[in-house]
PDB file of N, CA and C in Angstrom:
ATOM      1  N   MET A   1      85.393  35.849  41.760  1.00  0.00           N
ATOM      2  CA  MET A   1      84.516  36.193  40.654  1.00  0.00           C
ATOM      3  C   MET A   1      84.525  37.698  40.397  1.00  0.00           C
ATOM      4  N   PHE A   2      84.503  38.495  41.486  1.00  0.00           N
ATOM      5  CA  PHE A   2      84.496  39.943  41.330  1.00  0.00           C
ATOM      6  C   PHE A   2      85.797  40.418  40.685  1.00  0.00           C
ATOM      7  N   LYS A   3      86.922  39.828  41.099  1.00  0.00           N
ATOM      8  CA  LYS A   3      88.211  40.202  40.510  1.00  0.00           C
ATOM      9  C   LYS A   3      88.242  39.883  39.022  1.00  0.00           C
ATOM     10  N   LYS A   4      87.645  38.758  38.656  1.00  0.00           N
ATOM     11  CA  LYS A   4      87.581  38.381  37.245  1.00  0.00           C
ATOM     12  C   LYS A   4      86.734  39.392  36.458  1.00  0.00           C
ATOM     13  N   PHE A   5      85.642  39.845  37.064  1.00  0.00           N
ATOM     14  CA  PHE A   5      84.783  40.848  36.424  1.00  0.00           C
ATOM     15  C   PHE A   5      85.541  42.163  36.247  1.00  0.00           C
ATOM     16  N   LEU A   6      86.370  42.537  37.232  1.00  0.00           N
ATOM     17  CA  LEU A   6      87.154  43.771  37.134  1.00  0.00           C
ATOM     18  C   LEU A   6      88.183  43.704  36.012  1.00  0.00           C
ATOM     19  N   GLN A   7      88.548  42.504  35.613  1.00  0.00           N
ATOM     20  CA  GLN A   7      89.522  42.356  34.549  1.00  0.00           C
ATOM     21  C   GLN A   7      88.893  42.427  33.164  1.00  0.00           C
ATOM     22  N   THR A   8      87.582  42.668  33.121  1.00  0.00           N
ATOM     23  CA  THR A   8      86.903  42.960  31.863  1.00  0.00           C
ATOM     24  C   THR A   8      86.804  44.476  31.740  1.00  0.00           C
ATOM     25  N   PRO A   9      86.610  45.004  30.550  1.00  0.00           N
ATOM     26  CA  PRO A   9      86.527  46.463  30.416  1.00  0.00           C
ATOM     27  C   PRO A   9      85.194  47.054  30.888  1.00  0.00           C
ATOM     28  N   TRP A  10      84.190  46.224  31.143  1.00  0.00           N
ATOM     29  CA  TRP A  10      82.850  46.746  31.417  1.00  0.00           C
ATOM     30  C   TRP A  10      82.732  47.641  32.640  1.00  0.00           C
ATOM     31  N   PRO A  11      83.272  47.282  33.798  1.00  0.00           N
ATOM     32  CA  PRO A  11      83.147  48.199  34.938  1.00  0.00           C
ATOM     33  C   PRO A  11      83.775  49.564  34.653  1.00  0.00           C
ATOM     34  N   SER A  12      84.930  49.560  34.000  1.00  0.00           N
ATOM     35  CA  SER A  12      85.621  50.811  33.688  1.00  0.00           C
ATOM     36  C   SER A  12      84.842  51.648  32.682  1.00  0.00           C
ATOM     37  N   LEU A  13      84.323  50.989  31.648  1.00  0.00           N
ATOM     38  CA  LEU A  13      83.556  51.719  30.628  1.00  0.00           C
ATOM     39  C   LEU A  13      82.256  52.276  31.207  1.00  0.00           C
ATOM     40  N   ILE A  14      81.578  51.482  32.016  1.00  0.00           N
ATOM     41  CA  ILE A  14      80.332  51.943  32.640  1.00  0.00           C
ATOM     42  C   ILE A  14      80.615  53.123  33.559  1.00  0.00           C
ATOM     43  N   TRP A  15      81.702  53.033  34.344  1.00  0.00           N
ATOM     44  CA  TRP A  15      82.049  54.127  35.262  1.00  0.00           C
ATOM     45  C   TRP A  15      82.404  55.398  34.484  1.00  0.00           C
ATOM     46  N   THR A  16      83.131  55.244  33.393  1.00  0.00           N
ATOM     47  CA  THR A  16      83.491  56.394  32.560  1.00  0.00           C
ATOM     48  C   THR A  16      82.224  57.067  32.017  1.00  0.00           C
ATOM     49  N   GLY A  17      81.270  56.256  31.575  1.00  0.00           N
ATOM     50  CA  GLY A  17      79.991  56.805  31.102  1.00  0.00           C
ATOM     51  C   GLY A  17      79.194  57.455  32.223  1.00  0.00           C
ATOM     52  N   LEU A  18      79.236  56.862  33.407  1.00  0.00           N
ATOM     53  CA  LEU A  18      78.530  57.438  34.558  1.00  0.00           C
ATOM     54  C   LEU A  18      79.103  58.806  34.908  1.00  0.00           C
ATOM     55  N   ILE A  19      80.422  58.922  34.859  1.00  0.00           N
ATOM     56  CA  ILE A  19      81.042  60.236  35.107  1.00  0.00           C
ATOM     57  C   ILE A  19      80.528  61.245  34.090  1.00  0.00           C
ATOM     58  N   PHE A  20      80.515  60.861  32.826  1.00  0.00           N
ATOM     59  CA  PHE A  20      80.035  61.779  31.796  1.00  0.00           C
ATOM     60  C   PHE A  20      78.597  62.213  32.093  1.00  0.00           C
ATOM     61  N   PHE A  21      77.750  61.247  32.419  1.00  0.00           N
ATOM     62  CA  PHE A  21      76.350  61.564  32.716  1.00  0.00           C
ATOM     63  C   PHE A  21      76.245  62.505  33.916  1.00  0.00           C
ATOM     64  N   LEU A  22      76.898  62.161  35.007  1.00  0.00           N
ATOM     65  CA  LEU A  22      76.777  62.964  36.229  1.00  0.00           C
ATOM     66  C   LEU A  22      77.335  64.377  36.070  1.00  0.00           C
ATOM     67  N   LEU A  23      78.368  64.514  35.260  1.00  0.00           N
ATOM     68  CA  LEU A  23      78.972  65.834  35.105  1.00  0.00           C
ATOM     69  C   LEU A  23      78.328  66.669  34.003  1.00  0.00           C
ATOM     70  N   THR A  24      77.374  66.101  33.285  1.00  0.00           N
ATOM     71  CA  THR A  24      76.690  66.885  32.255  1.00  0.00           C
ATOM     72  C   THR A  24      75.209  67.074  32.533  1.00  0.00           C
ATOM     73  N   VAL A  25      74.666  66.373  33.512  1.00  0.00           N
ATOM     74  CA  VAL A  25      73.244  66.494  33.813  1.00  0.00           C
ATOM     75  C   VAL A  25      72.954  67.906  34.322  1.00  0.00           C
ATOM     76  N   ASN A  26      71.827  68.436  33.923  1.00  0.00           N
ATOM     77  CA  ASN A  26      71.435  69.784  34.327  1.00  0.00           C
ATOM     78  C   ASN A  26      71.048  69.777  35.808  1.00  0.00           C
ATOM     79  N   THR A  27      71.781  70.553  36.591  1.00  0.00           N
ATOM     80  CA  THR A  27      71.493  70.622  38.026  1.00  0.00           C
ATOM     81  C   THR A  27      70.648  71.831  38.386  1.00  0.00           C
ATOM     82  N   GLY A  28      70.327  72.645  37.413  1.00  0.00           N
ATOM     83  CA  GLY A  28      69.500  73.820  37.678  1.00  0.00           C
ATOM     84  C   GLY A  28      70.183  74.765  38.643  1.00  0.00           C
ATOM     85  N   THR A  29      69.453  75.138  39.699  1.00  0.00           N
ATOM     86  CA  THR A  29      69.996  76.087  40.673  1.00  0.00           C
ATOM     87  C   THR A  29      70.655  75.386  41.852  1.00  0.00           C
ATOM     88  N   MET A  30      70.805  74.073  41.790  1.00  0.00           N
ATOM     89  CA  MET A  30      71.383  73.331  42.914  1.00  0.00           C
ATOM     90  C   MET A  30      72.847  73.655  43.169  1.00  0.00           C
ATOM     91  N   GLU A  31      73.562  74.149  42.178  1.00  0.00           N
ATOM     92  CA  GLU A  31      74.995  74.365  42.347  1.00  0.00           C
ATOM     93  C   GLU A  31      75.309  75.359  43.449  1.00  0.00           C
ATOM     94  N   SER A  32      74.433  76.308  43.692  1.00  0.00           N
ATOM     95  CA  SER A  32      74.704  77.302  44.723  1.00  0.00           C
ATOM     96  C   SER A  32      74.230  76.856  46.101  1.00  0.00           C
ATOM     97  N   VAL A  33      73.530  75.719  46.168  1.00  0.00           N
ATOM     98  CA  VAL A  33      73.011  75.213  47.432  1.00  0.00           C
ATOM     99  C   VAL A  33      73.877  74.036  47.887  1.00  0.00           C
ATOM    100  N   PRO A  34      74.403  74.083  49.130  1.00  0.00           N
ATOM    101  CA  PRO A  34      75.181  72.932  49.605  1.00  0.00           C
ATOM    102  C   PRO A  34      74.316  71.680  49.648  1.00  0.00           C
ATOM    103  N   LEU A  35      74.804  70.589  49.069  1.00  0.00           N
ATOM    104  CA  LEU A  35      74.054  69.345  49.052  1.00  0.00           C
ATOM    105  C   LEU A  35      74.017  68.744  50.442  1.00  0.00           C
ATOM    106  N   PHE A  36      72.840  68.357  50.879  1.00  0.00           N
ATOM    107  CA  PHE A  36      72.639  67.742  52.190  1.00  0.00           C
ATOM    108  C   PHE A  36      73.208  68.602  53.315  1.00  0.00           C
ATOM    109  N   GLY A  37      73.299  69.909  53.103  1.00  0.00           N
ATOM    110  CA  GLY A  37      73.829  70.806  54.122  1.00  0.00           C
ATOM    111  C   GLY A  37      75.344  70.731  54.267  1.00  0.00           C
ATOM    112  N   ILE A  38      76.019  70.008  53.387  1.00  0.00           N
ATOM    113  CA  ILE A  38      77.479  69.865  53.467  1.00  0.00           C
ATOM    114  C   ILE A  38      78.109  70.749  52.400  1.00  0.00           C
ATOM    115  N   PRO A  39      78.818  71.800  52.827  1.00  0.00           N
ATOM    116  CA  PRO A  39      79.461  72.651  51.825  1.00  0.00           C
ATOM    117  C   PRO A  39      80.546  71.887  51.068  1.00  0.00           C
ATOM    118  N   ASN A  40      80.643  72.155  49.785  1.00  0.00           N
ATOM    119  CA  ASN A  40      81.651  71.544  48.904  1.00  0.00           C
ATOM    120  C   ASN A  40      81.536  70.029  48.785  1.00  0.00           C
ATOM    121  N   LEU A  41      80.364  69.483  49.021  1.00  0.00           N
ATOM    122  CA  LEU A  41      80.171  68.046  48.842  1.00  0.00           C
ATOM    123  C   LEU A  41      80.436  67.654  47.394  1.00  0.00           C
ATOM    124  N   ASP A  42      80.138  68.557  46.467  1.00  0.00           N
ATOM    125  CA  ASP A  42      80.377  68.241  45.057  1.00  0.00           C
ATOM    126  C   ASP A  42      81.858  67.980  44.787  1.00  0.00           C
ATOM    127  N   LYS A  43      82.751  68.629  45.524  1.00  0.00           N
ATOM    128  CA  LYS A  43      84.196  68.384  45.345  1.00  0.00           C
ATOM    129  C   LYS A  43      84.547  66.972  45.815  1.00  0.00           C
ATOM    130  N   LEU A  44      83.931  66.529  46.908  1.00  0.00           N
ATOM    131  CA  LEU A  44      84.153  65.157  47.378  1.00  0.00           C
ATOM    132  C   LEU A  44      83.625  64.149  46.367  1.00  0.00           C
ATOM    133  N   VAL A  45      82.530  64.490  45.713  1.00  0.00           N
ATOM    134  CA  VAL A  45      81.984  63.613  44.672  1.00  0.00           C
ATOM    135  C   VAL A  45      82.977  63.521  43.509  1.00  0.00           C
ATOM    136  N   HIS A  46      83.547  64.645  43.111  1.00  0.00           N
ATOM    137  CA  HIS A  46      84.553  64.641  42.038  1.00  0.00           C
ATOM    138  C   HIS A  46      85.745  63.771  42.429  1.00  0.00           C
ATOM    139  N   ILE A  47      86.209  63.919  43.660  1.00  0.00           N
ATOM    140  CA  ILE A  47      87.342  63.113  44.124  1.00  0.00           C
ATOM    141  C   ILE A  47      86.993  61.632  44.032  1.00  0.00           C
ATOM    142  N   PHE A  48      85.822  61.255  44.516  1.00  0.00           N
ATOM    143  CA  PHE A  48      85.404  59.854  44.476  1.00  0.00           C
ATOM    144  C   PHE A  48      85.286  59.341  43.042  1.00  0.00           C
ATOM    145  N   LEU A  49      84.650  60.126  42.167  1.00  0.00           N
ATOM    146  CA  LEU A  49      84.459  59.695  40.785  1.00  0.00           C
ATOM    147  C   LEU A  49      85.785  59.389  40.099  1.00  0.00           C
ATOM    148  N   PHE A  50      86.765  60.277  40.273  1.00  0.00           N
ATOM    149  CA  PHE A  50      88.019  60.096  39.556  1.00  0.00           C
ATOM    150  C   PHE A  50      88.973  59.132  40.261  1.00  0.00           C
ATOM    151  N   ALA A  51      88.825  58.951  41.557  1.00  0.00           N
ATOM    152  CA  ALA A  51      89.584  57.905  42.244  1.00  0.00           C
ATOM    153  C   ALA A  51      89.125  56.540  41.735  1.00  0.00           C
ATOM    154  N   MET A  52      87.816  56.356  41.621  1.00  0.00           N
ATOM    155  CA  MET A  52      87.278  55.098  41.107  1.00  0.00           C
ATOM    156  C   MET A  52      87.653  54.894  39.641  1.00  0.00           C
ATOM    157  N   PHE A  53      87.651  55.975  38.866  1.00  0.00           N
ATOM    158  CA  PHE A  53      88.047  55.901  37.455  1.00  0.00           C
ATOM    159  C   PHE A  53      89.433  55.278  37.338  1.00  0.00           C
ATOM    160  N   VAL A  54      90.398  55.839  38.069  1.00  0.00           N
ATOM    161  CA  VAL A  54      91.777  55.346  37.998  1.00  0.00           C
ATOM    162  C   VAL A  54      91.861  53.925  38.545  1.00  0.00           C
ATOM    163  N   TRP A  55      91.223  53.670  39.678  1.00  0.00           N
ATOM    164  CA  TRP A  55      91.295  52.345  40.280  1.00  0.00           C
ATOM    165  C   TRP A  55      90.698  51.277  39.365  1.00  0.00           C
ATOM    166  N   LEU A  56      89.548  51.563  38.759  1.00  0.00           N
ATOM    167  CA  LEU A  56      88.907  50.586  37.876  1.00  0.00           C
ATOM    168  C   LEU A  56      89.742  50.307  36.629  1.00  0.00           C
ATOM    169  N   TRP A  57      90.261  51.363  35.993  1.00  0.00           N
ATOM    170  CA  TRP A  57      91.069  51.150  34.795  1.00  0.00           C
ATOM    171  C   TRP A  57      92.367  50.432  35.131  1.00  0.00           C
ATOM    172  N   CYS A  58      92.975  50.745  36.284  1.00  0.00           N
ATOM    173  CA  CYS A  58      94.185  50.013  36.698  1.00  0.00           C
ATOM    174  C   CYS A  58      93.856  48.552  36.971  1.00  0.00           C
ATOM    175  N   SER A  59      92.715  48.304  37.589  1.00  0.00           N
ATOM    176  CA  SER A  59      92.303  46.929  37.868  1.00  0.00           C
ATOM    177  C   SER A  59      92.107  46.152  36.567  1.00  0.00           C
ATOM    178  N   TYR A  60      91.570  46.825  35.559  1.00  0.00           N
ATOM    179  CA  TYR A  60      91.389  46.166  34.257  1.00  0.00           C
ATOM    180  C   TYR A  60      92.741  45.837  33.625  1.00  0.00           C
ATOM    181  N   PHE A  61      93.631  46.825  33.572  1.00  0.00           N
ATOM    182  CA  PHE A  61      94.897  46.617  32.882  1.00  0.00           C
ATOM    183  C   PHE A  61      95.895  45.792  33.686  1.00  0.00           C
ATOM    184  N   GLU A  62      95.666  45.641  34.968  1.00  0.00           N
ATOM    185  CA  GLU A  62      96.582  44.879  35.817  1.00  0.00           C
ATOM    186  C   GLU A  62      96.768  43.451  35.308  1.00  0.00           C
ATOM    187  N   GLY A  63      95.712  42.867  34.808  1.00  0.00           N
ATOM    188  CA  GLY A  63      95.792  41.493  34.320  1.00  0.00           C
ATOM    189  C   GLY A  63      96.417  41.361  32.948  1.00  0.00           C
ATOM    190  N   LYS A  64      96.731  42.465  32.306  1.00  0.00           N
ATOM    191  CA  LYS A  64      97.309  42.424  30.963  1.00  0.00           C
ATOM    192  C   LYS A  64      98.825  42.269  31.038  1.00  0.00           C
ATOM    193  N   LYS A  65      99.391  41.665  30.024  1.00  0.00           N
ATOM    194  CA  LYS A  65     100.813  41.359  29.986  1.00  0.00           C
ATOM    195  C   LYS A  65     101.682  42.619  30.023  1.00  0.00           C
ATOM    196  N   ASN A  66     101.239  43.694  29.393  1.00  0.00           N
ATOM    197  CA  ASN A  66     102.069  44.893  29.282  1.00  0.00           C
ATOM    198  C   ASN A  66     101.792  45.942  30.367  1.00  0.00           C
ATOM    199  N   PHE A  67     101.089  45.557  31.439  1.00  0.00           N
ATOM    200  CA  PHE A  67     100.825  46.520  32.504  1.00  0.00           C
ATOM    201  C   PHE A  67     102.114  46.802  33.270  1.00  0.00           C
ATOM    202  N   GLY A  68     102.442  48.065  33.349  1.00  0.00           N
ATOM    203  CA  GLY A  68     103.647  48.487  34.060  1.00  0.00           C
ATOM    204  C   GLY A  68     103.548  49.957  34.398  1.00  0.00           C
ATOM    205  N   THR A  69     104.675  50.543  34.700  1.00  0.00           N
ATOM    206  CA  THR A  69     104.701  51.943  35.128  1.00  0.00           C
ATOM    207  C   THR A  69     104.143  52.877  34.066  1.00  0.00           C
ATOM    208  N   ILE A  70     104.488  52.650  32.818  1.00  0.00           N
ATOM    209  CA  ILE A  70     104.022  53.534  31.743  1.00  0.00           C
ATOM    210  C   ILE A  70     102.502  53.486  31.635  1.00  0.00           C
ATOM    211  N   VAL A  71     101.939  52.311  31.608  1.00  0.00           N
ATOM    212  CA  VAL A  71     100.480  52.178  31.519  1.00  0.00           C
ATOM    213  C   VAL A  71      99.823  52.791  32.747  1.00  0.00           C
ATOM    214  N   PHE A  72     100.399  52.561  33.908  1.00  0.00           N
ATOM    215  CA  PHE A  72      99.892  53.130  35.159  1.00  0.00           C
ATOM    216  C   PHE A  72      99.850  54.654  35.071  1.00  0.00           C
ATOM    217  N   LEU A  73     100.929  55.271  34.604  1.00  0.00           N
ATOM    218  CA  LEU A  73     100.984  56.731  34.474  1.00  0.00           C
ATOM    219  C   LEU A  73     100.035  57.245  33.405  1.00  0.00           C
ATOM    220  N   VAL A  74      99.869  56.488  32.330  1.00  0.00           N
ATOM    221  CA  VAL A  74      98.928  56.878  31.273  1.00  0.00           C
ATOM    222  C   VAL A  74      97.499  56.882  31.819  1.00  0.00           C
ATOM    223  N   ILE A  75      97.163  55.901  32.641  1.00  0.00           N
ATOM    224  CA  ILE A  75      95.817  55.848  33.222  1.00  0.00           C
ATOM    225  C   ILE A  75      95.593  57.053  34.136  1.00  0.00           C
ATOM    226  N   ILE A  76      96.572  57.385  34.950  1.00  0.00           N
ATOM    227  CA  ILE A  76      96.451  58.566  35.824  1.00  0.00           C
ATOM    228  C   ILE A  76      96.293  59.820  34.969  1.00  0.00           C
ATOM    229  N   GLY A  77      97.127  59.951  33.938  1.00  0.00           N
ATOM    230  CA  GLY A  77      97.033  61.103  33.040  1.00  0.00           C
ATOM    231  C   GLY A  77      95.691  61.167  32.337  1.00  0.00           C
ATOM    232  N   ALA A  78      95.174  60.005  31.932  1.00  0.00           N
ATOM    233  CA  ALA A  78      93.861  59.973  31.272  1.00  0.00           C
ATOM    234  C   ALA A  78      92.769  60.441  32.217  1.00  0.00           C
ATOM    235  N   GLY A  79      92.859  60.041  33.479  1.00  0.00           N
ATOM    236  CA  GLY A  79      91.879  60.493  34.466  1.00  0.00           C
ATOM    237  C   GLY A  79      91.918  62.001  34.647  1.00  0.00           C
ATOM    238  N   ILE A  80      93.122  62.529  34.728  1.00  0.00           N
ATOM    239  CA  ILE A  80      93.274  63.979  34.893  1.00  0.00           C
ATOM    240  C   ILE A  80      92.766  64.714  33.658  1.00  0.00           C
ATOM    241  N   LEU A  81      93.153  64.251  32.484  1.00  0.00           N
ATOM    242  CA  LEU A  81      92.701  64.903  31.243  1.00  0.00           C
ATOM    243  C   LEU A  81      91.190  64.788  31.057  1.00  0.00           C
ATOM    244  N   TYR A  82      90.622  63.653  31.460  1.00  0.00           N
ATOM    245  CA  TYR A  82      89.167  63.479  31.373  1.00  0.00           C
ATOM    246  C   TYR A  82      88.475  64.491  32.279  1.00  0.00           C
ATOM    247  N   GLY A  83      88.992  64.681  33.484  1.00  0.00           N
ATOM    248  CA  GLY A  83      88.412  65.662  34.406  1.00  0.00           C
ATOM    249  C   GLY A  83      88.501  67.077  33.854  1.00  0.00           C
ATOM    250  N   ILE A  84      89.656  67.437  33.325  1.00  0.00           N
ATOM    251  CA  ILE A  84      89.834  68.773  32.740  1.00  0.00           C
ATOM    252  C   ILE A  84      88.918  68.938  31.535  1.00  0.00           C
ATOM    253  N   GLY A  85      88.887  67.927  30.683  1.00  0.00           N
ATOM    254  CA  GLY A  85      88.030  67.983  29.496  1.00  0.00           C
ATOM    255  C   GLY A  85      86.555  68.121  29.852  1.00  0.00           C
ATOM    256  N   MET A  86      86.136  67.430  30.905  1.00  0.00           N
ATOM    257  CA  MET A  86      84.733  67.512  31.313  1.00  0.00           C
ATOM    258  C   MET A  86      84.377  68.918  31.778  1.00  0.00           C
ATOM    259  N   GLU A  87      85.291  69.604  32.423  1.00  0.00           N
ATOM    260  CA  GLU A  87      85.016  70.987  32.850  1.00  0.00           C
ATOM    261  C   GLU A  87      84.822  71.899  31.646  1.00  0.00           C
ATOM    262  N   PHE A  88      85.660  71.745  30.630  1.00  0.00           N
ATOM    263  CA  PHE A  88      85.497  72.547  29.418  1.00  0.00           C
ATOM    264  C   PHE A  88      84.205  72.163  28.690  1.00  0.00           C
ATOM    265  N   TYR A  89      83.899  70.880  28.671  1.00  0.00           N
ATOM    266  CA  TYR A  89      82.659  70.409  28.041  1.00  0.00           C
ATOM    267  C   TYR A  89      81.442  71.003  28.760  1.00  0.00           C
ATOM    268  N   GLN A  90      81.468  70.963  30.086  1.00  0.00           N
ATOM    269  CA  GLN A  90      80.351  71.523  30.862  1.00  0.00           C
ATOM    270  C   GLN A  90      80.140  72.989  30.513  1.00  0.00           C
ATOM    271  N   ASP A  91      81.225  73.728  30.453  1.00  0.00           N
ATOM    272  CA  ASP A  91      81.138  75.160  30.203  1.00  0.00           C
ATOM    273  C   ASP A  91      80.600  75.458  28.813  1.00  0.00           C
ATOM    274  N   ARG A  92      80.967  74.640  27.861  1.00  0.00           N
ATOM    275  CA  ARG A  92      80.603  74.900  26.465  1.00  0.00           C
ATOM    276  C   ARG A  92      79.243  74.333  26.072  1.00  0.00           C
ATOM    277  N   PHE A  93      78.911  73.137  26.562  1.00  0.00           N
ATOM    278  CA  PHE A  93      77.748  72.427  26.032  1.00  0.00           C
ATOM    279  C   PHE A  93      76.630  72.157  27.039  1.00  0.00           C
ATOM    280  N   THR A  94      76.780  72.560  28.278  1.00  0.00           N
ATOM    281  CA  THR A  94      75.731  72.332  29.268  1.00  0.00           C
ATOM    282  C   THR A  94      75.398  73.638  29.973  1.00  0.00           C
ATOM    283  N   THR A  95      74.465  73.583  30.880  1.00  0.00           N
ATOM    284  CA  THR A  95      74.115  74.768  31.666  1.00  0.00           C
ATOM    285  C   THR A  95      75.040  74.925  32.869  1.00  0.00           C
ATOM    286  N   ARG A  96      75.943  73.986  33.052  1.00  0.00           N
ATOM    287  CA  ARG A  96      76.872  74.050  34.172  1.00  0.00           C
ATOM    288  C   ARG A  96      78.065  74.920  33.811  1.00  0.00           C
ATOM    289  N   GLU A  97      78.800  75.343  34.839  1.00  0.00           N
ATOM    290  CA  GLU A  97      79.918  76.254  34.623  1.00  0.00           C
ATOM    291  C   GLU A  97      81.258  75.587  34.890  1.00  0.00           C
ATOM    292  N   PHE A  98      82.281  76.121  34.249  1.00  0.00           N
ATOM    293  CA  PHE A  98      83.656  75.697  34.467  1.00  0.00           C
ATOM    294  C   PHE A  98      84.073  76.082  35.885  1.00  0.00           C
ATOM    295  N   GLU A  99      84.656  75.128  36.625  1.00  0.00           N
ATOM    296  CA  GLU A  99      85.156  75.422  37.969  1.00  0.00           C
ATOM    297  C   GLU A  99      86.563  74.861  38.114  1.00  0.00           C
ATOM    298  N   LEU A 100      87.507  75.728  38.371  1.00  0.00           N
ATOM    299  CA  LEU A 100      88.885  75.307  38.569  1.00  0.00           C
ATOM    300  C   LEU A 100      88.996  74.383  39.786  1.00  0.00           C
ATOM    301  N   ALA A 101      88.193  74.644  40.803  1.00  0.00           N
ATOM    302  CA  ALA A 101      88.216  73.794  42.003  1.00  0.00           C
ATOM    303  C   ALA A 101      87.811  72.354  41.667  1.00  0.00           C
ATOM    304  N   ASP A 102      86.921  72.175  40.697  1.00  0.00           N
ATOM    305  CA  ASP A 102      86.542  70.818  40.271  1.00  0.00           C
ATOM    306  C   ASP A 102      87.729  70.106  39.624  1.00  0.00           C
ATOM    307  N   ILE A 103      88.521  70.842  38.857  1.00  0.00           N
ATOM    308  CA  ILE A 103      89.703  70.253  38.235  1.00  0.00           C
ATOM    309  C   ILE A 103      90.676  69.784  39.311  1.00  0.00           C
ATOM    310  N   PHE A 104      90.884  70.609  40.334  1.00  0.00           N
ATOM    311  CA  PHE A 104      91.777  70.207  41.419  1.00  0.00           C
ATOM    312  C   PHE A 104      91.230  68.978  42.150  1.00  0.00           C
ATOM    313  N   ALA A 105      89.909  68.909  42.304  1.00  0.00           N
ATOM    314  CA  ALA A 105      89.290  67.738  42.941  1.00  0.00           C
ATOM    315  C   ALA A 105      89.467  66.499  42.060  1.00  0.00           C
ATOM    316  N   ASP A 106      89.334  66.667  40.753  1.00  0.00           N
ATOM    317  CA  ASP A 106      89.536  65.541  39.829  1.00  0.00           C
ATOM    318  C   ASP A 106      90.979  65.029  39.892  1.00  0.00           C
ATOM    319  N   ILE A 107      91.932  65.957  39.936  1.00  0.00           N
ATOM    320  CA  ILE A 107      93.344  65.583  40.037  1.00  0.00           C
ATOM    321  C   ILE A 107      93.603  64.854  41.356  1.00  0.00           C
ATOM    322  N   ALA A 108      93.056  65.387  42.440  1.00  0.00           N
ATOM    323  CA  ALA A 108      93.225  64.739  43.743  1.00  0.00           C
ATOM    324  C   ALA A 108      92.612  63.343  43.725  1.00  0.00           C
ATOM    325  N   GLY A 109      91.454  63.205  43.091  1.00  0.00           N
ATOM    326  CA  GLY A 109      90.807  61.903  42.993  1.00  0.00           C
ATOM    327  C   GLY A 109      91.640  60.916  42.202  1.00  0.00           C
ATOM    328  N   ALA A 110      92.185  61.363  41.074  1.00  0.00           N
ATOM    329  CA  ALA A 110      93.033  60.479  40.257  1.00  0.00           C
ATOM    330  C   ALA A 110      94.254  60.038  41.064  1.00  0.00           C
ATOM    331  N   ALA A 111      94.843  60.956  41.807  1.00  0.00           N
ATOM    332  CA  ALA A 111      96.013  60.616  42.628  1.00  0.00           C
ATOM    333  C   ALA A 111      95.626  59.627  43.731  1.00  0.00           C
ATOM    334  N   LEU A 112      94.497  59.861  44.381  1.00  0.00           N
ATOM    335  CA  LEU A 112      94.055  58.944  45.435  1.00  0.00           C
ATOM    336  C   LEU A 112      93.745  57.560  44.888  1.00  0.00           C
ATOM    337  N   GLY A 113      93.131  57.509  43.724  1.00  0.00           N
ATOM    338  CA  GLY A 113      92.851  56.221  43.088  1.00  0.00           C
ATOM    339  C   GLY A 113      94.131  55.465  42.787  1.00  0.00           C
ATOM    340  N   ALA A 114      95.158  56.187  42.341  1.00  0.00           N
ATOM    341  CA  ALA A 114      96.454  55.561  42.049  1.00  0.00           C
ATOM    342  C   ALA A 114      97.106  55.051  43.327  1.00  0.00           C
ATOM    343  N   VAL A 115      97.050  55.852  44.372  1.00  0.00           N
ATOM    344  CA  VAL A 115      97.638  55.434  45.650  1.00  0.00           C
ATOM    345  C   VAL A 115      96.899  54.216  46.188  1.00  0.00           C
ATOM    346  N   TYR A 116      95.586  54.252  46.141  1.00  0.00           N
ATOM    347  CA  TYR A 116      94.797  53.119  46.649  1.00  0.00           C
ATOM    348  C   TYR A 116      95.097  51.844  45.851  1.00  0.00           C
ATOM    349  N   PHE A 117      95.188  51.974  44.538  1.00  0.00           N
ATOM    350  CA  PHE A 117      95.506  50.811  43.717  1.00  0.00           C
ATOM    351  C   PHE A 117      96.888  50.269  44.090  1.00  0.00           C
ATOM    352  N   GLY A 118      97.842  51.169  44.270  1.00  0.00           N
ATOM    353  CA  GLY A 118      99.189  50.752  44.641  1.00  0.00           C
ATOM    354  C   GLY A 118      99.241  50.060  45.986  1.00  0.00           C
ATOM    355  N   ILE A 119      98.443  50.528  46.929  1.00  0.00           N
ATOM    356  CA  ILE A 119      98.400  49.922  48.261  1.00  0.00           C
ATOM    357  C   ILE A 119      97.741  48.557  48.207  1.00  0.00           C
ATOM    358  N   LYS A 120      96.647  48.450  47.464  1.00  0.00           N
ATOM    359  CA  LYS A 120      95.891  47.194  47.389  1.00  0.00           C
ATOM    360  C   LYS A 120      96.603  46.130  46.549  1.00  0.00           C
ATOM    361  N   LYS A 121      97.533  46.566  45.727  1.00  0.00           N
ATOM    362  CA  LYS A 121      98.253  45.637  44.857  1.00  0.00           C
ATOM    363  C   LYS A 121      99.211  44.869  45.667  1.00  0.00           C
TER     364      LYS A 121
END
């Protein structure tokens, strides 16, 4: 049943919206304070968010007739571009700042999501 649910667009769309919400919410002065006493925990969160992004979208498209290498690479590229775009969006339209390290974490997350999907397939 869960696999059938993953083959609908809803988990992927909800996750994409959750990323947007989490990366645009005003964190106030929390950015300079390590979360839960763990330095750079926010980078691990970025990695997780974008790994799940790629994995969920691959899981959705896996059941489609035209799923192949090109679609797989497009999903990875979309994850990376979404992460980069969110950093520019944060800098321009929110109180948060652009961080190059977040982009690298997003790229690492997209790559990990692709590897995990490939292993689980």
